[in-house]
Amino acid sequence: MKHYDVPDYSVHNSVGYLMRRGASLLREQLEASFADAGITFVQWATLILLRDNPSLTPAELCRDLRHDSGAFSRMVDQLEQRELLQRLRSDADRRSVQLLLTVAGRQMIETHLPLVVARLNHALSDFTPAEVATLTSLLTRMIARLEHLPSLEGESS
């Protein structure tokens, strides 16, 4: 089913533009909330993603966060130096690394979780619980589709 037509397309009605704009605005506000926290929002997001998905490899975490691999490695180095996480090398394959949260990392998550929850609740304050559930469901569905969508034939680079 087509939802857009070339002659009628406007960026301000584009789902991609609206999602990107919303995500950018939310991230800016979350970064501001973390300004005095001693940790950046991206660092905190890495820690909570690891908490919620402890089996993810560093490469999977990097991809999930849509982060540059070099910058991600430096960030993991910083989090390890601050003893918020640790790298654990596999005995079977020394090239394989698992990231583990430390007690301090878990405390960092719990300390700053109220900031994130408050900011999200503020951003969604004009929505009903049913609307938030619908929005979450639709975004989850779209993300799943995009993760498994092949590129279009004849797409220009």
C-alpha atoms as a PDB file:
ATOM      1  CA  MET A   1       0.000   0.000   0.000  1.00  0.00           C
ATOM      2  CA  LYS A   2       1.314   3.445  -0.912  1.00  0.00           C
ATOM      3  CA  HIS A   3       1.128   6.139   1.746  1.00  0.00           C
ATOM      4  CA  TYR A   4       3.068   8.832  -0.133  1.00  0.00           C
ATOM      5  CA  ASP A   5       3.035  10.135  -3.692  1.00  0.00           C
ATOM      6  CA  VAL A   6       5.900  12.039  -5.295  1.00  0.00           C
ATOM      7  CA  PRO A   7       3.809  15.090  -6.340  1.00  0.00           C
ATOM      8  CA  ASP A   8       2.263  15.473  -2.859  1.00  0.00           C
ATOM      9  CA  TYR A   9       5.321  14.627  -0.743  1.00  0.00           C
ATOM     10  CA  SER A  10       6.285  17.128   1.958  1.00  0.00           C
ATOM     11  CA  VAL A  11       9.084  16.550   4.415  1.00  0.00           C
ATOM     12  CA  HIS A  12       6.951  17.902   7.258  1.00  0.00           C
ATOM     13  CA  ASN A  13       4.476  15.035   6.767  1.00  0.00           C
ATOM     14  CA  SER A  14       7.147  12.376   6.346  1.00  0.00           C
ATOM     15  CA  VAL A  15       7.183   9.678   9.026  1.00  0.00           C
ATOM     16  CA  GLY A  16      10.981   9.496   8.768  1.00  0.00           C
ATOM     17  CA  TYR A  17      11.424  13.235   9.266  1.00  0.00           C
ATOM     18  CA  LEU A  18       8.960  13.324  12.162  1.00  0.00           C
ATOM     19  CA  MET A  19      10.610  10.357  13.906  1.00  0.00           C
ATOM     20  CA  ARG A  20      14.076  11.867  13.447  1.00  0.00           C
ATOM     21  CA  ARG A  21      12.939  15.293  14.659  1.00  0.00           C
ATOM     22  CA  GLY A  22      11.180  13.809  17.695  1.00  0.00           C
ATOM     23  CA  ALA A  23      14.172  11.636  18.567  1.00  0.00           C
ATOM     24  CA  SER A  24      16.566  14.581  18.192  1.00  0.00           C
ATOM     25  CA  LEU A  25      14.468  16.859  20.390  1.00  0.00           C
ATOM     26  CA  LEU A  26      14.062  14.174  23.050  1.00  0.00           C
ATOM     27  CA  ARG A  27      17.784  13.396  23.018  1.00  0.00           C
ATOM     28  CA  GLU A  28      18.667  17.104  23.376  1.00  0.00           C
ATOM     29  CA  GLN A  29      16.372  17.375  26.394  1.00  0.00           C
ATOM     30  CA  LEU A  30      17.729  14.179  27.937  1.00  0.00           C
ATOM     31  CA  GLU A  31      21.321  15.364  27.391  1.00  0.00           C
ATOM     32  CA  ALA A  32      20.395  18.620  29.175  1.00  0.00           C
ATOM     33  CA  SER A  33      18.887  16.605  32.053  1.00  0.00           C
ATOM     34  CA  PHE A  34      22.179  14.712  32.349  1.00  0.00           C
ATOM     35  CA  ALA A  35      24.377  17.845  32.219  1.00  0.00           C
ATOM     36  CA  ASP A  36      25.194  17.722  35.934  1.00  0.00           C
ATOM     37  CA  ALA A  37      25.020  13.947  36.293  1.00  0.00           C
ATOM     38  CA  GLY A  38      28.675  13.092  35.685  1.00  0.00           C
ATOM     39  CA  ILE A  39      27.658  10.863  32.784  1.00  0.00           C
ATOM     40  CA  THR A  40      26.298  11.579  29.340  1.00  0.00           C
ATOM     41  CA  PHE A  41      22.911  10.340  28.239  1.00  0.00           C
ATOM     42  CA  VAL A  42      24.555   8.128  25.581  1.00  0.00           C
ATOM     43  CA  GLN A  43      26.764   6.527  28.245  1.00  0.00           C
ATOM     44  CA  TRP A  44      23.727   5.967  30.455  1.00  0.00           C
ATOM     45  CA  ALA A  45      21.763   4.555  27.489  1.00  0.00           C
ATOM     46  CA  THR A  46      24.630   2.115  26.863  1.00  0.00           C
ATOM     47  CA  LEU A  47      24.511   0.958  30.478  1.00  0.00           C
ATOM     48  CA  ILE A  48      20.731   0.471  30.560  1.00  0.00           C
ATOM     49  CA  LEU A  49      20.739  -1.284  27.188  1.00  0.00           C
ATOM     50  CA  LEU A  50      23.358  -3.650  28.599  1.00  0.00           C
ATOM     51  CA  ARG A  51      21.246  -4.129  31.739  1.00  0.00           C
ATOM     52  CA  ASP A  52      18.193  -5.019  29.657  1.00  0.00           C
ATOM     53  CA  ASN A  53      20.171  -7.159  27.151  1.00  0.00           C
ATOM     54  CA  PRO A  54      23.115  -8.670  29.061  1.00  0.00           C
ATOM     55  CA  SER A  55      24.035 -11.101  26.295  1.00  0.00           C
ATOM     56  CA  LEU A  56      24.631  -8.416  23.645  1.00  0.00           C
ATOM     57  CA  THR A  57      28.164  -8.244  22.307  1.00  0.00           C
ATOM     58  CA  PRO A  58      29.909  -4.877  22.079  1.00  0.00           C
ATOM     59  CA  ALA A  59      29.344  -4.920  18.290  1.00  0.00           C
ATOM     60  CA  GLU A  60      25.615  -5.584  18.766  1.00  0.00           C
ATOM     61  CA  LEU A  61      25.348  -2.796  21.340  1.00  0.00           C
ATOM     62  CA  CYS A  62      27.126  -0.426  18.971  1.00  0.00           C
ATOM     63  CA  ARG A  63      24.756  -1.315  16.132  1.00  0.00           C
ATOM     64  CA  ASP A  64      21.683  -1.070  18.359  1.00  0.00           C
ATOM     65  CA  LEU A  65      22.704   2.410  19.500  1.00  0.00           C
ATOM     66  CA  ARG A  66      23.597   3.378  15.900  1.00  0.00           C
ATOM     67  CA  HIS A  67      26.992   4.542  17.122  1.00  0.00           C
ATOM     68  CA  ASP A  68      30.320   4.843  15.307  1.00  0.00           C
ATOM     69  CA  SER A  69      32.450   1.818  16.263  1.00  0.00           C
ATOM     70  CA  GLY A  70      35.565   3.847  17.110  1.00  0.00           C
ATOM     71  CA  ALA A  71      33.636   6.294  19.286  1.00  0.00           C
ATOM     72  CA  PHE A  72      31.787   3.401  20.896  1.00  0.00           C
ATOM     73  CA  SER A  73      35.078   1.666  21.803  1.00  0.00           C
ATOM     74  CA  ARG A  74      36.334   4.890  23.388  1.00  0.00           C
ATOM     75  CA  MET A  75      33.094   5.239  25.335  1.00  0.00           C
ATOM     76  CA  VAL A  76      33.356   1.635  26.585  1.00  0.00           C
ATOM     77  CA  ASP A  77      36.965   2.414  27.615  1.00  0.00           C
ATOM     78  CA  GLN A  78      35.703   5.412  29.626  1.00  0.00           C
ATOM     79  CA  LEU A  79      32.932   3.398  31.264  1.00  0.00           C
ATOM     80  CA  GLU A  80      35.419   0.660  32.125  1.00  0.00           C
ATOM     81  CA  GLN A  81      37.908   3.172  33.571  1.00  0.00           C
ATOM     82  CA  ARG A  82      35.107   4.573  35.727  1.00  0.00           C
ATOM     83  CA  GLU A  83      34.339   0.992  36.821  1.00  0.00           C
ATOM     84  CA  LEU A  84      30.754   1.167  35.533  1.00  0.00           C
ATOM     85  CA  LEU A  85      31.254  -1.901  33.372  1.00  0.00           C
ATOM     86  CA  GLN A  86      33.935  -4.478  32.773  1.00  0.00           C
ATOM     87  CA  ARG A  87      35.130  -6.426  29.771  1.00  0.00           C
ATOM     88  CA  LEU A  88      35.243 -10.166  30.177  1.00  0.00           C
ATOM     89  CA  ARG A  89      37.254 -12.133  27.610  1.00  0.00           C
ATOM     90  CA  SER A  90      35.976 -15.529  26.604  1.00  0.00           C
ATOM     91  CA  ASP A  91      38.123 -18.492  27.644  1.00  0.00           C
ATOM     92  CA  ALA A  92      37.111 -20.304  24.454  1.00  0.00           C
ATOM     93  CA  ASP A  93      37.859 -17.401  22.094  1.00  0.00           C
ATOM     94  CA  ARG A  94      40.146 -14.627  23.350  1.00  0.00           C
ATOM     95  CA  ARG A  95      38.873 -12.324  20.575  1.00  0.00           C
ATOM     96  CA  SER A  96      35.358 -12.533  22.004  1.00  0.00           C
ATOM     97  CA  VAL A  97      34.451  -9.984  24.683  1.00  0.00           C
ATOM     98  CA  GLN A  98      31.409  -9.716  26.893  1.00  0.00           C
ATOM     99  CA  LEU A  99      30.502  -6.479  28.677  1.00  0.00           C
ATOM    100  CA  LEU A 100      29.245  -6.802  32.235  1.00  0.00           C
ATOM    101  CA  LEU A 101      27.704  -4.123  34.416  1.00  0.00           C
ATOM    102  CA  THR A 102      29.401  -3.541  37.718  1.00  0.00           C
ATOM    103  CA  VAL A 103      27.599  -2.695  40.957  1.00  0.00           C
ATOM    104  CA  ALA A 104      28.563   0.954  40.345  1.00  0.00           C
ATOM    105  CA  GLY A 105      27.117   0.723  36.820  1.00  0.00           C
ATOM    106  CA  ARG A 106      23.827  -0.595  38.160  1.00  0.00           C
ATOM    107  CA  GLN A 107      23.759   2.179  40.747  1.00  0.00           C
ATOM    108  CA  MET A 108      24.414   4.761  38.008  1.00  0.00           C
ATOM    109  CA  ILE A 109      21.409   3.423  36.075  1.00  0.00           C
ATOM    110  CA  GLU A 110      19.118   3.492  39.101  1.00  0.00           C
ATOM    111  CA  THR A 111      20.280   6.949  40.174  1.00  0.00           C
ATOM    112  CA  HIS A 112      19.496   8.515  36.814  1.00  0.00           C
ATOM    113  CA  LEU A 113      16.465   6.465  35.780  1.00  0.00           C
ATOM    114  CA  PRO A 114      14.109   8.995  37.453  1.00  0.00           C
ATOM    115  CA  LEU A 115      15.524  11.749  35.162  1.00  0.00           C
ATOM    116  CA  VAL A 116      14.683   9.738  32.057  1.00  0.00           C
ATOM    117  CA  VAL A 117      11.261   8.672  33.309  1.00  0.00           C
ATOM    118  CA  ALA A 118      10.380  12.270  34.255  1.00  0.00           C
ATOM    119  CA  ARG A 119      11.484  13.596  30.853  1.00  0.00           C
ATOM    120  CA  LEU A 120       9.550  10.908  28.962  1.00  0.00           C
ATOM    121  CA  ASN A 121       6.451  11.468  31.092  1.00  0.00           C
ATOM    122  CA  HIS A 122       6.694  15.213  30.466  1.00  0.00           C
ATOM    123  CA  ALA A 123       7.074  14.684  26.704  1.00  0.00           C
ATOM    124  CA  LEU A 124       4.042  12.373  26.682  1.00  0.00           C
ATOM    125  CA  SER A 125       1.893  14.334  29.137  1.00  0.00           C
ATOM    126  CA  ASP A 126      -0.673  15.277  26.461  1.00  0.00           C
ATOM    127  CA  PHE A 127      -1.142  11.621  25.440  1.00  0.00           C
ATOM    128  CA  THR A 128      -3.516   9.103  26.973  1.00  0.00           C
ATOM    129  CA  PRO A 129      -2.154   5.751  28.161  1.00  0.00           C
ATOM    130  CA  ALA A 130      -3.875   4.120  25.174  1.00  0.00           C
ATOM    131  CA  GLU A 131      -2.188   6.581  22.774  1.00  0.00           C
ATOM    132  CA  VAL A 132       1.236   5.862  24.300  1.00  0.00           C
ATOM    133  CA  ALA A 133       0.600   2.120  23.971  1.00  0.00           C
ATOM    134  CA  THR A 134      -0.451   2.590  20.333  1.00  0.00           C
ATOM    135  CA  LEU A 135       2.546   4.805  19.556  1.00  0.00           C
ATOM    136  CA  THR A 136       4.912   2.297  21.166  1.00  0.00           C
ATOM    137  CA  SER A 137       3.320  -0.586  19.273  1.00  0.00           C
ATOM    138  CA  LEU A 138       3.452   1.225  15.928  1.00  0.00           C
ATOM    139  CA  LEU A 139       7.067   2.315  16.361  1.00  0.00           C
ATOM    140  CA  THR A 140       8.086  -1.185  17.452  1.00  0.00           C
ATOM    141  CA  ARG A 141       6.375  -2.613  14.382  1.00  0.00           C
ATOM    142  CA  MET A 142       8.016  -0.099  12.051  1.00  0.00           C
ATOM    143  CA  ILE A 143      11.474  -0.712  13.535  1.00  0.00           C
ATOM    144  CA  ALA A 144      11.041  -4.492  13.147  1.00  0.00           C
ATOM    145  CA  ARG A 145      10.019  -3.981   9.517  1.00  0.00           C
ATOM    146  CA  LEU A 146      12.952  -1.678   8.801  1.00  0.00           C
ATOM    147  CA  GLU A 147      15.422  -4.096  10.391  1.00  0.00           C
ATOM    148  CA  HIS A 148      14.337  -6.845   8.004  1.00  0.00           C
ATOM    149  CA  LEU A 149      13.529  -4.796   4.917  1.00  0.00           C
ATOM    150  CA  PRO A 150      15.691  -5.450   1.853  1.00  0.00           C
ATOM    151  CA  SER A 151      16.847  -2.442  -0.113  1.00  0.00           C
ATOM    152  CA  LEU A 152      14.662  -1.404  -3.014  1.00  0.00           C
ATOM    153  CA  GLU A 153      15.737  -2.392  -6.538  1.00  0.00           C
ATOM    154  CA  GLY A 154      17.195   0.503  -8.512  1.00  0.00           C
ATOM    155  CA  GLU A 155      17.643   2.630  -5.394  1.00  0.00           C
ATOM    156  CA  SER A 156      20.115   5.446  -5.923  1.00  0.00           C
ATOM    157  CA  SER A 157      23.021   5.617  -3.518  1.00  0.00           C
END
